[in-house]
Amino acid sequence: MLNSKEDITTYKSIPKRSRTQVFQPIALDLEIEHSDLSSSDLDSSPTTPDKAQKQLFPTQNNKSHEPNSQLAFPQESLKVTRWEDVDLIHTAKNTNEIDLPELYFSRHYDPKNEDTAASLIGESSKWVIDVDFPQMIKSGWIGWKSYYLYTITSQLLGEVFKVKRRFRHLEWLRNILLKTYPGINIPPLPEKQVFGNTTSNFLEKRRENMKKYLIILAKHPVLMNSEAFKLFLKCKDENFSSESQRLEDSSHVYHFDFLNLQDTIDKIKTKFENLFTSKITPVSQDLVNIDRELNYIEPYIKDLDFAFGGWIKAQNDSQKNFEAFNFNENPRFNQILEESHSFQVNFFAKLNNLSLEIKEEQMKIIGMQTALDSYKSLLKDYSEVESLIMKKIERSATDEDSSGRYIKEIEELKIQTNEMAERLGKIENTIKNEFVWYGKEREVHFQDSLIGIIESQRKRYKTESDFWLEKKHQVLKW
C-alpha cells in the first residue's frame, strides 16, 4: 500500500479514466464457470495445477473425474480462476515484481513434508474418555423444561475426573474453540433432533456421538491442551457455569468497526459492487489446492459412510428375521437360536463402533472446511476495507478541503488492514499445518478402521462357523 500523501499527489496526475485501473488492487475474476477452467488460468500461481494435482491427488492419474476447484465464499459461491489485470501480469517477469502487500504471497507448501507432519501429529493423546447413558432431570411445569445430563468420565495421567454435562455445554465448547482457534480443524456436532429425542435409541446414539466427538478433540495436538477442553472435562459441576462464562468473556473475536456513517454507506456500496463484479483479494493458491482436495474426497467418504450404514442395517434386519423363527415342537432347537443370538449381539456392537470410525472421517473433512470458512470470511472483510481505502483516496483527491481528514482516516484504516493481513497470514499457516496433520491422521486412522472392519467380520464368520458345526453334531445325537 502506498503512503497517503503520495497516493493523493499521484492520483491527481493521472487521467480520470485510468485512475481505477492504477489504484484498484489486483483481484481475481471469480465468475468463470468450472468448465472454463484451464491450465493457463492460474499461470501466476507458485504451483501449477498439474503439479498441484500430482502432489495432492497421487491416486487420480487414471480418473476422468475432475476435482472441484470451487472455493466458495459466504453467500456468493465465488470461484477463483484467473487474475483480473492480465496485462499487468504479463509485464512483470514474476509475481513478486508487482507492488502487492506481503499477504498476497505464501511460502511454498509441501503437503508431503514428513518432518512437518511428524511435528504436528506428536504423541497419542493420553486422555481416556467415556460417556455414560444420560439421566433425565425433570424441570418446569409438567416437565416441559426437562433435560438430560451425561456423566463424562475422563482420565489423564492416572487422575480421574467425573463431571455431568448437558448437550448444550458441548455446543458451548465447540463455539469457544471456533472463536479461539480460527483455522483449526474443529468437527461439527452430532445432529440435533426435535422429535423423538427421548427414545432410548436416540439417547444411546447421541451418547456414542458425544464420546466420539470428545475423543476426536482429545487426539488433536492443539485442542487437547486447550483451556476450554480441560475446563469441560475437569471443572466441578457447581463451578462450570461461572468458569465457562469467564472463559467466554476473555476470548477475543476480531471485529472491524467502520469509522462513521459515510464508511457504513461505502461498505454497503462495496457489498453491492462485489455482487455484480465479483472481485476479491487474491487468495493463497495453497488454500485453493486444499479446498479442491477436500471437495474431491468428501463425496467418497460420504458415500462410504452411507454404504456402511446400509450394510449394518441389512445385517441387523437379517438377524432379526432369523431370530423370529420359533419351533414350538422343538424347544432344544429354540435354545440353539437363543445361543446364536447371544454371540451375534457382540459382533453387531463391534460393527456399530466401527461405523463411528468411518463417521469420524466425514466429521474431520467438515472441520477442515469450517477452518477454511474462517479464512474466507476474514478475507472478505479485508477486501471490503481495501475498497473503502480506495474510495477515500478518490474522495480526498476531489475534496481538497477535507483531504487532511481523509488522510488521517486512511492511516487508521491501514492499521486495521495490517492487523487483518497479519491475522490472515496466521490463519493461512494454521490451515496448512492442520491439513498436514489431517492427512497423516486420516491415512493411519482410515487404514486401521478398514482393517478393523475386515478383521471383525472374519472373526464373526469363523465363530459362527464353529458354532453351527458344533450344533450340527449335537443335533445328530438327538
Protein backbone atom coordinates (compact mmCIF):
# COMPACT_ATOMS: atom_id res chain seq x y z
CA MET A 1 0.00 0.00 0.00
CA LEU A 2 1.36 3.46 -0.99
CA ASN A 3 1.71 6.28 1.55
CA SER A 4 -1.37 8.51 1.72
CA LYS A 5 0.20 11.81 0.56
CA GLU A 6 1.93 10.08 -2.34
CA ASP A 7 -1.36 8.37 -3.17
CA ILE A 8 -3.20 11.68 -3.49
CA THR A 9 -0.44 13.50 -5.41
CA THR A 10 -0.02 10.66 -7.88
CA TYR A 11 -3.76 10.20 -8.17
CA LYS A 12 -4.33 13.81 -9.27
CA SER A 13 -1.72 13.49 -12.03
CA ILE A 14 -3.46 10.52 -13.65
CA PRO A 15 -6.34 10.88 -16.15
CA LYS A 16 -9.71 10.01 -14.63
CA ARG A 17 -10.34 7.00 -16.86
CA SER A 18 -7.04 5.44 -15.75
CA ARG A 19 -7.34 6.06 -12.01
CA THR A 20 -9.38 2.98 -11.20
CA GLN A 21 -7.03 0.71 -13.16
CA VAL A 22 -3.93 2.05 -11.38
CA PHE A 23 -5.23 2.11 -7.81
CA GLN A 24 -7.57 -0.89 -7.91
CA PRO A 25 -5.82 -3.76 -6.12
CA ILE A 26 -5.14 -6.78 -8.30
CA ALA A 27 -8.05 -9.13 -7.84
CA LEU A 28 -9.36 -12.44 -9.06
CA ASP A 29 -12.17 -12.82 -11.57
CA LEU A 30 -14.49 -15.19 -9.75
CA GLU A 31 -17.38 -15.50 -12.20
CA ILE A 32 -15.94 -18.09 -14.63
CA GLU A 33 -17.64 -21.46 -14.63
CA HIS A 34 -15.70 -24.56 -13.66
CA SER A 35 -15.98 -25.92 -17.21
CA ASP A 36 -13.97 -22.90 -18.45
CA LEU A 37 -11.04 -23.58 -16.13
CA SER A 38 -7.82 -24.26 -17.99
CA SER A 39 -4.20 -24.67 -17.01
CA SER A 40 -3.48 -21.13 -18.16
CA ASP A 41 -5.94 -19.66 -15.69
CA LEU A 42 -3.53 -19.99 -12.78
CA ASP A 43 -0.21 -19.35 -14.52
CA SER A 44 0.69 -16.79 -11.90
CA SER A 45 0.42 -19.19 -9.02
CA PRO A 46 3.62 -20.58 -7.47
CA THR A 47 2.44 -24.13 -8.14
CA THR A 48 0.85 -25.11 -11.44
CA PRO A 49 -2.42 -27.08 -11.39
CA ASP A 50 -0.76 -30.16 -12.89
CA LYS A 51 1.93 -30.15 -10.22
CA ALA A 52 -0.61 -29.48 -7.52
CA GLN A 53 -2.68 -32.43 -8.71
CA LYS A 54 0.32 -34.73 -8.54
CA GLN A 55 1.03 -33.58 -5.00
CA LEU A 56 -2.50 -33.64 -3.67
CA PHE A 57 -4.12 -36.38 -5.78
CA PRO A 58 -1.47 -39.04 -6.37
CA THR A 59 -4.09 -41.76 -7.00
CA GLN A 60 -6.11 -39.82 -9.56
CA ASN A 61 -3.99 -40.39 -12.65
CA ASN A 62 -6.48 -42.79 -14.21
CA LYS A 63 -9.60 -40.91 -13.15
CA SER A 64 -11.56 -38.79 -15.59
CA HIS A 65 -13.40 -37.10 -12.74
CA GLU A 66 -12.04 -33.58 -12.32
CA PRO A 67 -11.75 -32.37 -8.70
CA ASN A 68 -14.00 -29.49 -7.87
CA SER A 69 -11.92 -26.31 -7.89
CA GLN A 70 -14.56 -24.16 -6.28
CA LEU A 71 -13.55 -22.03 -3.33
CA ALA A 72 -16.96 -20.92 -2.08
CA PHE A 73 -17.06 -17.58 -0.32
CA PRO A 74 -20.02 -16.92 2.02
CA GLN A 75 -23.33 -16.23 0.25
CA GLU A 76 -21.69 -15.56 -3.12
CA SER A 77 -20.48 -19.02 -4.30
CA LEU A 78 -17.42 -17.48 -5.95
CA LYS A 79 -14.82 -19.40 -7.92
CA VAL A 80 -11.16 -18.50 -8.08
CA THR A 81 -9.82 -18.89 -11.63
CA ARG A 82 -7.73 -16.01 -13.02
CA TRP A 83 -6.16 -12.62 -12.47
CA GLU A 84 -8.17 -9.50 -13.26
CA ASP A 85 -5.48 -7.40 -14.94
CA VAL A 86 -3.80 -9.78 -17.37
CA ASP A 87 -1.65 -7.03 -18.92
CA LEU A 88 -0.10 -6.23 -15.54
CA ILE A 89 0.82 -9.86 -15.02
CA HIS A 90 2.43 -10.20 -18.46
CA THR A 91 4.52 -7.04 -17.99
CA ALA A 92 6.15 -8.45 -14.87
CA LYS A 93 8.80 -11.15 -15.01
CA ASN A 94 7.30 -12.79 -11.98
CA THR A 95 4.52 -12.15 -9.49
CA ASN A 96 6.88 -10.69 -6.90
CA GLU A 97 7.62 -7.68 -9.11
CA ILE A 98 4.06 -6.44 -8.62
CA ASP A 99 3.62 -4.00 -5.76
CA LEU A 100 1.32 -6.08 -3.57
CA PRO A 101 1.06 -6.46 0.20
CA GLU A 102 3.00 -9.31 1.73
CA LEU A 103 -0.33 -11.01 2.41
CA TYR A 104 -0.65 -11.96 -1.26
CA PHE A 105 2.31 -14.31 -1.18
CA SER A 106 2.66 -17.54 0.71
CA ARG A 107 5.63 -19.75 1.31
CA HIS A 108 5.97 -22.90 -0.76
CA TYR A 109 3.94 -25.58 0.95
CA ASP A 110 4.59 -29.27 0.53
CA PRO A 111 1.73 -31.39 1.95
CA LYS A 112 4.02 -34.44 1.91
CA ASN A 113 6.68 -32.91 4.13
CA GLU A 114 7.39 -35.72 6.59
CA ASP A 115 9.16 -33.50 9.13
CA THR A 116 6.27 -31.05 9.31
CA ALA A 117 3.73 -33.85 9.55
CA ALA A 118 5.63 -35.64 12.30
CA SER A 119 5.89 -32.50 14.39
CA LEU A 120 2.16 -31.88 14.09
CA ILE A 121 0.91 -35.35 14.92
CA GLY A 122 3.02 -35.73 18.04
CA GLU A 123 2.33 -38.38 20.64
CA SER A 124 -1.02 -40.07 21.03
CA SER A 125 -3.44 -38.42 23.38
CA LYS A 126 -3.17 -39.52 27.00
CA TRP A 127 -6.83 -38.72 27.62
CA VAL A 128 -9.15 -41.66 28.26
CA ILE A 129 -12.80 -40.62 27.89
CA ASP A 130 -16.13 -42.35 28.42
CA VAL A 131 -19.73 -41.08 28.40
CA ASP A 132 -22.49 -42.84 30.35
CA PHE A 133 -26.14 -43.17 29.37
CA PRO A 134 -27.86 -39.88 30.29
CA GLN A 135 -30.14 -39.19 33.23
CA MET A 136 -33.29 -37.10 32.81
CA ILE A 137 -33.59 -34.06 35.07
CA LYS A 138 -37.24 -33.05 35.34
CA SER A 139 -37.94 -29.34 35.45
CA GLY A 140 -40.74 -26.89 34.71
CA TRP A 141 -44.48 -27.31 34.63
CA ILE A 142 -45.34 -30.96 33.81
CA GLY A 143 -41.70 -31.41 32.89
CA TRP A 144 -41.62 -29.19 29.78
CA LYS A 145 -38.15 -27.90 30.72
CA SER A 146 -36.72 -31.33 31.42
CA TYR A 147 -33.27 -32.11 30.07
CA TYR A 148 -30.67 -34.88 30.08
CA LEU A 149 -27.37 -34.92 31.92
CA TYR A 150 -24.49 -37.01 30.61
CA THR A 151 -21.88 -38.29 33.03
CA ILE A 152 -18.47 -37.89 31.42
CA THR A 153 -15.57 -39.78 32.97
CA SER A 154 -12.07 -38.89 31.83
CA GLN A 155 -8.62 -39.91 32.90
CA LEU A 156 -5.35 -38.08 32.34
CA LEU A 157 -2.03 -39.43 33.61
CA GLY A 158 -3.76 -41.55 36.24
CA GLU A 159 -6.00 -38.74 37.52
CA VAL A 160 -9.74 -39.40 37.09
CA PHE A 161 -12.36 -36.69 36.54
CA LYS A 162 -16.12 -37.21 36.57
CA VAL A 163 -18.47 -34.40 35.53
CA LYS A 164 -22.09 -34.01 34.41
CA ARG A 165 -22.74 -32.04 31.25
CA ARG A 166 -25.72 -31.19 29.06
CA PHE A 167 -25.57 -31.36 25.28
CA ARG A 168 -25.70 -27.55 25.13
CA HIS A 169 -22.44 -27.50 27.10
CA LEU A 170 -20.86 -29.41 24.22
CA GLU A 171 -22.24 -26.72 21.90
CA TRP A 172 -20.57 -24.11 24.10
CA LEU A 173 -17.27 -26.00 23.86
CA ARG A 174 -17.32 -26.06 20.07
CA ASN A 175 -18.28 -22.39 19.80
CA ILE A 176 -15.49 -21.26 22.13
CA LEU A 177 -12.97 -23.40 20.23
CA LEU A 178 -14.09 -21.91 16.91
CA LYS A 179 -13.58 -18.40 18.28
CA THR A 180 -10.27 -19.16 19.96
CA TYR A 181 -8.66 -21.27 17.23
CA PRO A 182 -9.58 -19.98 13.74
CA GLY A 183 -8.14 -22.27 11.09
CA ILE A 184 -8.09 -25.34 13.35
CA ASN A 185 -9.94 -28.50 12.28
CA ILE A 186 -12.92 -28.50 14.66
CA PRO A 187 -15.52 -31.12 13.68
CA PRO A 188 -19.29 -30.48 13.62
CA LEU A 189 -21.52 -31.51 16.49
CA PRO A 190 -23.85 -34.52 16.33
CA GLU A 191 -27.13 -33.58 14.69
CA LYS A 192 -29.98 -32.38 16.85
CA GLN A 193 -33.40 -33.99 16.76
CA VAL A 194 -36.56 -32.08 17.67
CA PHE A 195 -38.97 -35.01 17.79
CA GLY A 196 -38.28 -38.41 19.26
CA ASN A 197 -35.25 -37.18 21.17
CA THR A 198 -36.25 -39.02 24.32
CA THR A 199 -36.21 -42.54 22.88
CA SER A 200 -33.58 -44.91 24.19
CA ASN A 201 -32.17 -45.48 20.69
CA PHE A 202 -31.71 -41.75 20.11
CA LEU A 203 -30.13 -41.21 23.54
CA GLU A 204 -27.74 -44.11 23.01
CA LYS A 205 -26.76 -42.80 19.58
CA ARG A 206 -26.18 -39.32 21.00
CA ARG A 207 -24.10 -40.77 23.84
CA GLU A 208 -21.91 -42.60 21.31
CA ASN A 209 -21.56 -39.49 19.15
CA MET A 210 -20.66 -37.29 22.13
CA LYS A 211 -17.99 -39.75 23.16
CA LYS A 212 -16.61 -39.91 19.62
CA TYR A 213 -16.60 -36.10 19.41
CA LEU A 214 -14.62 -35.72 22.64
CA ILE A 215 -12.18 -38.42 21.55
CA ILE A 216 -11.54 -36.57 18.28
CA LEU A 217 -10.75 -33.39 20.24
CA ALA A 218 -8.57 -35.37 22.65
CA LYS A 219 -6.46 -36.66 19.74
CA HIS A 220 -5.79 -33.19 18.34
CA PRO A 221 -2.33 -31.91 19.37
CA VAL A 222 -3.61 -28.36 19.98
CA LEU A 223 -7.20 -28.79 21.15
CA MET A 224 -6.34 -31.49 23.69
CA ASN A 225 -4.32 -28.90 25.62
CA SER A 226 -6.78 -26.02 25.25
CA GLU A 227 -8.18 -24.35 28.35
CA ALA A 228 -11.77 -24.81 27.14
CA PHE A 229 -11.36 -28.56 26.60
CA LYS A 230 -9.76 -29.07 30.01
CA LEU A 231 -12.45 -26.94 31.63
CA PHE A 232 -15.17 -29.02 30.01
CA LEU A 233 -13.71 -32.29 31.29
CA LYS A 234 -12.31 -31.26 34.67
CA CYS A 235 -14.31 -28.35 36.12
CA LYS A 236 -16.64 -29.22 39.01
CA ASP A 237 -20.32 -29.09 38.12
CA GLU A 238 -21.16 -26.31 40.57
CA ASN A 239 -18.39 -24.08 39.13
CA PHE A 240 -18.81 -24.83 35.44
CA SER A 241 -21.35 -22.07 34.70
CA SER A 242 -19.22 -19.25 36.15
CA GLU A 243 -15.93 -20.61 34.79
CA SER A 244 -17.30 -21.10 31.29
CA GLN A 245 -18.66 -17.53 31.34
CA ARG A 246 -15.28 -16.22 32.47
CA LEU A 247 -13.54 -18.02 29.63
CA GLU A 248 -16.10 -16.80 27.12
CA ASP A 249 -15.68 -13.19 28.27
CA SER A 250 -11.91 -13.41 27.97
CA SER A 251 -11.94 -14.83 24.43
CA HIS A 252 -11.38 -12.15 21.81
CA VAL A 253 -13.13 -12.20 18.45
CA TYR A 254 -11.79 -9.89 15.78
CA HIS A 255 -14.37 -7.35 14.62
CA PHE A 256 -13.79 -4.34 12.40
CA ASP A 257 -15.86 -1.23 13.15
CA PHE A 258 -16.27 1.31 10.37
CA LEU A 259 -15.41 4.85 11.40
CA ASN A 260 -18.61 6.76 10.63
CA LEU A 261 -21.89 6.80 8.73
CA GLN A 262 -20.16 7.53 5.41
CA ASP A 263 -17.97 4.47 5.90
CA THR A 264 -21.06 2.37 6.56
CA ILE A 265 -22.62 3.66 3.34
CA ASP A 266 -19.41 2.88 1.44
CA LYS A 267 -19.42 -0.60 2.94
CA ILE A 268 -22.95 -1.22 1.65
CA LYS A 269 -21.93 0.08 -1.78
CA THR A 270 -18.92 -2.22 -1.75
CA LYS A 271 -21.11 -5.22 -0.99
CA PHE A 272 -23.36 -4.42 -3.97
CA GLU A 273 -20.35 -3.84 -6.23
CA ASN A 274 -18.91 -7.20 -5.18
CA LEU A 275 -22.20 -8.86 -6.06
CA PHE A 276 -22.04 -7.51 -9.62
CA THR A 277 -18.30 -7.51 -10.30
CA SER A 278 -17.36 -10.49 -8.10
CA LYS A 279 -13.91 -9.18 -7.29
CA ILE A 280 -11.95 -10.08 -4.20
CA THR A 281 -8.40 -10.01 -2.92
CA PRO A 282 -6.29 -12.91 -4.27
CA VAL A 283 -6.26 -15.97 -2.06
CA SER A 284 -3.42 -18.33 -1.34
CA GLN A 285 -3.02 -20.95 -4.06
CA ASP A 286 -2.11 -23.44 -1.33
CA LEU A 287 -5.54 -22.96 0.26
CA VAL A 288 -7.22 -23.26 -3.14
CA ASN A 289 -5.49 -26.64 -3.56
CA ILE A 290 -6.52 -27.73 -0.06
CA ASP A 291 -10.12 -26.70 -0.69
CA ARG A 292 -10.07 -28.55 -4.01
CA GLU A 293 -8.90 -31.79 -2.42
CA LEU A 294 -11.45 -31.58 0.40
CA ASN A 295 -14.25 -31.06 -2.12
CA TYR A 296 -12.94 -34.02 -4.09
CA ILE A 297 -12.73 -36.58 -1.30
CA GLU A 298 -15.81 -35.50 0.67
CA PRO A 299 -18.41 -37.28 -1.54
CA TYR A 300 -16.40 -40.52 -1.46
CA ILE A 301 -16.25 -40.53 2.34
CA LYS A 302 -19.94 -39.62 2.50
CA ASP A 303 -20.87 -42.46 0.13
CA LEU A 304 -18.73 -44.90 2.13
CA ASP A 305 -20.45 -43.84 5.35
CA PHE A 306 -23.88 -44.25 3.73
CA ALA A 307 -23.00 -47.67 2.28
CA PHE A 308 -21.56 -48.87 5.57
CA GLY A 309 -24.70 -47.77 7.41
CA GLY A 310 -26.84 -49.65 4.89
CA TRP A 311 -24.69 -52.74 5.33
CA ILE A 312 -25.15 -52.68 9.10
CA LYS A 313 -28.90 -52.20 8.74
CA ALA A 314 -29.16 -55.11 6.29
CA GLN A 315 -27.27 -57.38 8.68
CA ASN A 316 -29.44 -56.31 11.60
CA ASP A 317 -32.64 -56.93 9.62
CA SER A 318 -31.38 -60.33 8.52
CA GLN A 319 -30.52 -61.29 12.08
CA LYS A 320 -33.93 -60.14 13.39
CA ASN A 321 -35.72 -62.20 10.75
CA PHE A 322 -33.61 -65.21 11.65
CA GLU A 323 -34.38 -64.76 15.34
CA ALA A 324 -38.09 -64.62 14.56
CA PHE A 325 -38.07 -68.34 13.87
CA ASN A 326 -39.77 -70.29 16.64
CA PHE A 327 -40.01 -74.07 16.71
CA ASN A 328 -42.56 -74.82 19.40
CA GLU A 329 -42.33 -78.52 18.76
CA ASN A 330 -38.58 -78.48 19.27
CA PRO A 331 -37.56 -76.39 22.32
CA ARG A 332 -33.97 -77.62 22.06
CA PHE A 333 -33.60 -76.01 18.64
CA ASN A 334 -35.07 -72.79 20.04
CA GLN A 335 -32.35 -72.90 22.67
CA ILE A 336 -29.73 -73.09 19.91
CA LEU A 337 -31.21 -70.00 18.26
CA GLU A 338 -31.01 -68.09 21.55
CA GLU A 339 -27.36 -69.06 21.95
CA SER A 340 -26.70 -67.88 18.39
CA HIS A 341 -28.29 -64.53 19.20
CA SER A 342 -26.14 -64.03 22.31
CA PHE A 343 -22.81 -64.08 20.47
CA GLN A 344 -24.18 -62.22 17.43
CA VAL A 345 -25.05 -59.22 19.62
CA ASN A 346 -21.39 -58.66 20.48
CA PHE A 347 -20.38 -58.60 16.83
CA PHE A 348 -23.09 -56.12 15.92
CA ALA A 349 -21.95 -53.84 18.76
CA LYS A 350 -18.40 -54.01 17.42
CA LEU A 351 -19.62 -53.24 13.91
CA ASN A 352 -21.58 -50.25 15.17
CA ASN A 353 -18.47 -48.87 16.88
CA LEU A 354 -16.56 -49.24 13.62
CA SER A 355 -19.25 -47.25 11.83
CA LEU A 356 -18.42 -44.34 14.15
CA GLU A 357 -14.82 -44.54 12.96
CA ILE A 358 -15.99 -44.05 9.37
CA LYS A 359 -18.20 -41.18 10.54
CA GLU A 360 -15.14 -39.59 12.13
CA GLU A 361 -13.52 -39.15 8.71
CA GLN A 362 -16.56 -37.25 7.47
CA MET A 363 -16.56 -35.06 10.59
CA LYS A 364 -12.90 -34.17 10.10
CA ILE A 365 -13.50 -33.11 6.49
CA ILE A 366 -16.30 -30.80 7.61
CA GLY A 367 -13.99 -29.48 10.34
CA MET A 368 -11.35 -28.61 7.73
CA GLN A 369 -13.97 -26.88 5.59
CA THR A 370 -15.08 -24.87 8.62
CA ALA A 371 -11.45 -23.84 9.15
CA LEU A 372 -11.31 -22.60 5.55
CA ASP A 373 -14.56 -20.69 6.08
CA SER A 374 -12.94 -18.67 8.87
CA TYR A 375 -10.23 -17.61 6.42
CA LYS A 376 -12.72 -16.77 3.66
CA SER A 377 -14.87 -14.68 5.98
CA LEU A 378 -11.94 -12.55 7.18
CA LEU A 379 -10.61 -12.27 3.63
CA LYS A 380 -13.97 -10.90 2.51
CA ASP A 381 -13.83 -8.26 5.27
CA TYR A 382 -10.27 -7.41 4.25
CA SER A 383 -11.39 -6.87 0.65
CA GLU A 384 -14.18 -4.53 1.75
CA VAL A 385 -11.81 -2.40 3.84
CA GLU A 386 -9.34 -2.24 0.94
CA SER A 387 -12.15 -1.00 -1.30
CA LEU A 388 -13.07 1.57 1.36
CA ILE A 389 -9.49 2.89 1.36
CA MET A 390 -9.62 3.28 -2.42
CA LYS A 391 -12.85 5.27 -2.11
CA LYS A 392 -11.31 7.56 0.50
CA ILE A 393 -8.27 8.16 -1.69
CA GLU A 394 -10.54 9.09 -4.58
CA ARG A 395 -12.70 11.30 -2.37
CA SER A 396 -9.67 13.09 -0.88
CA ALA A 397 -8.40 13.87 -4.39
CA THR A 398 -11.65 15.60 -5.33
CA ASP A 399 -12.25 17.35 -1.99
CA GLU A 400 -9.12 19.30 -1.04
CA ASP A 401 -10.81 20.97 1.93
CA SER A 402 -11.32 17.61 3.64
CA SER A 403 -8.18 15.89 2.35
CA GLY A 404 -6.47 16.17 5.75
CA ARG A 405 -9.30 14.34 7.46
CA TYR A 406 -9.30 11.65 4.78
CA ILE A 407 -5.56 11.17 5.12
CA LYS A 408 -5.97 10.55 8.86
CA GLU A 409 -8.82 8.11 8.27
CA ILE A 410 -6.80 6.31 5.60
CA GLU A 411 -3.90 5.89 8.02
CA GLU A 412 -6.26 4.47 10.65
CA LEU A 413 -7.70 2.06 8.10
CA LYS A 414 -4.19 0.99 7.10
CA ILE A 415 -3.51 -0.01 10.69
CA GLN A 416 -6.66 -2.12 10.61
CA THR A 417 -5.75 -3.77 7.30
CA ASN A 418 -2.26 -4.55 8.57
CA GLU A 419 -3.79 -6.28 11.58
CA MET A 420 -6.19 -8.17 9.33
CA ALA A 421 -3.36 -9.14 6.98
CA GLU A 422 -1.31 -10.46 9.90
CA ARG A 423 -4.30 -12.41 11.18
CA LEU A 424 -4.99 -13.81 7.71
CA GLY A 425 -1.39 -14.95 7.45
CA LYS A 426 -1.60 -16.74 10.79
CA ILE A 427 -4.88 -18.45 9.85
CA GLU A 428 -3.41 -19.49 6.50
CA ASN A 429 -0.39 -21.11 8.14
CA THR A 430 -2.65 -22.77 10.71
CA ILE A 431 -4.82 -24.28 7.96
CA LYS A 432 -1.75 -25.59 6.13
CA ASN A 433 -0.46 -27.23 9.30
CA GLU A 434 -3.92 -28.63 10.05
CA PHE A 435 -4.09 -30.12 6.57
CA VAL A 436 -0.78 -31.91 7.08
CA TRP A 437 -1.98 -33.25 10.43
CA TYR A 438 -5.35 -34.23 8.95
CA GLY A 439 -3.73 -36.06 6.03
CA LYS A 440 -1.42 -38.12 8.23
CA GLU A 441 -4.14 -38.79 10.79
CA ARG A 442 -6.57 -39.85 8.04
CA GLU A 443 -4.03 -42.18 6.47
CA VAL A 444 -3.43 -44.06 9.73
CA HIS A 445 -6.98 -43.91 11.11
CA PHE A 446 -8.67 -44.90 7.85
CA GLN A 447 -6.35 -47.85 7.38
CA ASP A 448 -6.92 -49.04 10.96
CA SER A 449 -10.70 -48.69 10.53
CA LEU A 450 -10.78 -50.77 7.36
CA ILE A 451 -8.57 -53.43 8.92
CA GLY A 452 -10.85 -53.45 11.96
CA ILE A 453 -13.94 -53.95 9.80
CA ILE A 454 -12.42 -56.84 7.86
CA GLU A 455 -10.96 -58.49 10.97
CA SER A 456 -14.26 -58.15 12.83
CA GLN A 457 -16.13 -59.88 10.04
CA ARG A 458 -13.50 -62.62 9.78
CA LYS A 459 -13.82 -63.38 13.49
CA ARG A 460 -17.58 -63.28 13.29
CA TYR A 461 -17.88 -65.78 10.45
CA LYS A 462 -15.19 -68.03 11.97
CA THR A 463 -17.06 -68.06 15.31
CA GLU A 464 -20.37 -68.60 13.53
CA SER A 465 -18.92 -71.49 11.50
CA ASP A 466 -17.54 -73.21 14.62
CA PHE A 467 -20.83 -72.64 16.46
CA TRP A 468 -23.03 -74.26 13.80
CA LEU A 469 -20.56 -77.11 13.29
CA GLU A 470 -20.78 -77.91 17.00
CA LYS A 471 -24.58 -77.66 17.00
CA LYS A 472 -24.82 -79.86 13.93
CA HIS A 473 -23.08 -82.68 15.81
CA GLN A 474 -25.41 -82.12 18.78
CA VAL A 475 -28.50 -82.37 16.58
CA LEU A 476 -27.23 -85.58 15.01
CA LYS A 477 -27.12 -87.13 18.51
CA TRP A 478 -30.75 -86.26 19.30
